[in-house]
């Protein structure tokens, strides 16, 4: 029978394969985390832009309503 001794080179090769697989998993996980962070950042930026537009529109409407109210009040006084 041809038996290999414990601690021979194939065992080292197996551990090297496990190390490469671990590195691949860490790289993939890091890529996933980066992707999630990018998507979350884009969602936050989009929310801020949307909120700023909403506030700007509301302020324009409020200003025009105030201006119309003041103009109509001035017309009634005249």
C-alpha atoms as a PDB file:
ATOM      1  CA  UNK A   1       0.000   0.000   0.000  1.00  0.00           C
ATOM      2  CA  UNK A   2       1.109   3.486  -0.771  1.00  0.00           C
ATOM      3  CA  UNK A   3       0.174   5.631   2.159  1.00  0.00           C
ATOM      4  CA  UNK A   4       1.294   9.188   2.652  1.00  0.00           C
ATOM      5  CA  UNK A   5       2.652  10.347   5.930  1.00  0.00           C
ATOM      6  CA  UNK A   6       0.751  12.821   8.063  1.00  0.00           C
ATOM      7  CA  UNK A   7       1.999  16.363   7.372  1.00  0.00           C
ATOM      8  CA  UNK A   8       3.093  15.728   3.825  1.00  0.00           C
ATOM      9  CA  UNK A   9       2.866  18.215   0.977  1.00  0.00           C
ATOM     10  CA  UNK A  10      -0.717  17.490  -0.120  1.00  0.00           C
ATOM     11  CA  UNK A  11      -1.943  18.657   3.307  1.00  0.00           C
ATOM     12  CA  UNK A  12      -0.094  21.934   2.846  1.00  0.00           C
ATOM     13  CA  UNK A  13      -1.654  22.285  -0.610  1.00  0.00           C
ATOM     14  CA  UNK A  14      -5.085  21.731   0.914  1.00  0.00           C
ATOM     15  CA  UNK A  15      -4.491  24.471   3.486  1.00  0.00           C
ATOM     16  CA  UNK A  16      -3.261  26.779   0.749  1.00  0.00           C
ATOM     17  CA  UNK A  17      -6.479  26.120  -1.160  1.00  0.00           C
ATOM     18  CA  UNK A  18      -8.481  26.919   1.988  1.00  0.00           C
ATOM     19  CA  UNK A  19      -6.500  30.162   2.419  1.00  0.00           C
ATOM     20  CA  UNK A  20      -7.218  31.181  -1.188  1.00  0.00           C
ATOM     21  CA  UNK A  21     -10.917  30.407  -0.709  1.00  0.00           C
ATOM     22  CA  UNK A  22     -10.976  32.480   2.498  1.00  0.00           C
ATOM     23  CA  UNK A  23      -9.347  35.399   0.690  1.00  0.00           C
ATOM     24  CA  UNK A  24     -11.916  35.135  -2.112  1.00  0.00           C
ATOM     25  CA  UNK A  25     -14.767  35.154   0.414  1.00  0.00           C
ATOM     26  CA  UNK A  26     -13.319  38.220   2.174  1.00  0.00           C
ATOM     27  CA  UNK A  27     -12.905  40.061  -1.127  1.00  0.00           C
ATOM     28  CA  UNK A  28     -16.455  39.185  -2.169  1.00  0.00           C
ATOM     29  CA  UNK A  29     -17.813  40.305   1.196  1.00  0.00           C
ATOM     30  CA  UNK A  30     -15.855  43.536   1.013  1.00  0.00           C
ATOM     31  CA  UNK A  31     -17.278  44.166  -2.443  1.00  0.00           C
ATOM     32  CA  UNK A  32     -20.786  43.528  -1.164  1.00  0.00           C
ATOM     33  CA  UNK A  33     -20.296  45.894   1.759  1.00  0.00           C
ATOM     34  CA  UNK A  34     -18.941  48.554  -0.574  1.00  0.00           C
ATOM     35  CA  UNK A  35     -21.904  48.081  -2.897  1.00  0.00           C
ATOM     36  CA  UNK A  36     -24.373  48.415  -0.026  1.00  0.00           C
ATOM     37  CA  UNK A  37     -22.619  51.560   1.200  1.00  0.00           C
ATOM     38  CA  UNK A  38     -22.704  53.098  -2.278  1.00  0.00           C
ATOM     39  CA  UNK A  39     -26.399  52.303  -2.734  1.00  0.00           C
ATOM     40  CA  UNK A  40     -27.229  53.678   0.724  1.00  0.00           C
ATOM     41  CA  UNK A  41     -25.289  56.865   0.017  1.00  0.00           C
ATOM     42  CA  UNK A  42     -27.061  57.342  -3.309  1.00  0.00           C
ATOM     43  CA  UNK A  43     -30.439  56.809  -1.627  1.00  0.00           C
ATOM     44  CA  UNK A  44     -29.625  59.422   1.015  1.00  0.00           C
ATOM     45  CA  UNK A  45     -28.454  61.931  -1.599  1.00  0.00           C
ATOM     46  CA  UNK A  46     -31.590  61.341  -3.673  1.00  0.00           C
ATOM     47  CA  UNK A  47     -33.743  61.855  -0.565  1.00  0.00           C
ATOM     48  CA  UNK A  48     -31.991  65.123   0.259  1.00  0.00           C
ATOM     49  CA  UNK A  49     -32.434  66.406  -3.298  1.00  0.00           C
ATOM     50  CA  UNK A  50     -36.113  65.429  -3.279  1.00  0.00           C
ATOM     51  CA  UNK A  51     -36.694  67.118   0.098  1.00  0.00           C
ATOM     52  CA  UNK A  52     -34.899  70.286  -1.034  1.00  0.00           C
ATOM     53  CA  UNK A  53     -37.064  70.486  -4.146  1.00  0.00           C
ATOM     54  CA  UNK A  54     -40.214  69.953  -2.089  1.00  0.00           C
ATOM     55  CA  UNK A  55     -39.226  72.719   0.324  1.00  0.00           C
ATOM     56  CA  UNK A  56     -38.339  75.097  -2.495  1.00  0.00           C
ATOM     57  CA  UNK A  57     -41.692  74.462  -4.181  1.00  0.00           C
ATOM     58  CA  UNK A  58     -43.571  74.994  -0.915  1.00  0.00           C
ATOM     59  CA  UNK A  59     -41.733  78.241  -0.255  1.00  0.00           C
ATOM     60  CA  UNK A  60     -42.527  79.523  -3.756  1.00  0.00           C
ATOM     61  CA  UNK A  61     -46.197  78.675  -3.305  1.00  0.00           C
ATOM     62  CA  UNK A  62     -46.285  80.288   0.114  1.00  0.00           C
ATOM     63  CA  UNK A  63     -44.620  83.457  -1.173  1.00  0.00           C
ATOM     64  CA  UNK A  64     -47.032  83.716  -4.096  1.00  0.00           C
ATOM     65  CA  UNK A  65     -50.030  83.168  -1.789  1.00  0.00           C
ATOM     66  CA  UNK A  66     -48.773  85.856   0.585  1.00  0.00           C
ATOM     67  CA  UNK A  67     -48.136  88.220  -2.308  1.00  0.00           C
ATOM     68  CA  UNK A  68     -51.624  87.572  -3.732  1.00  0.00           C
ATOM     69  CA  UNK A  69     -53.218  88.089  -0.317  1.00  0.00           C
ATOM     70  CA  UNK A  70     -51.356  91.364   0.228  1.00  0.00           C
ATOM     71  CA  UNK A  71     -52.200  92.572  -3.287  1.00  0.00           C
ATOM     72  CA  UNK A  72     -55.896  91.799  -2.860  1.00  0.00           C
ATOM     73  CA  UNK A  73     -55.919  93.487   0.558  1.00  0.00           C
ATOM     74  CA  UNK A  74     -54.247  96.577  -0.927  1.00  0.00           C
ATOM     75  CA  UNK A  75     -56.839  96.638  -3.728  1.00  0.00           C
ATOM     76  CA  UNK A  76     -59.666  96.508  -1.204  1.00  0.00           C
ATOM     77  CA  UNK A  77     -58.194  99.411   0.758  1.00  0.00           C
ATOM     78  CA  UNK A  78     -57.768 101.567  -2.343  1.00  0.00           C
END
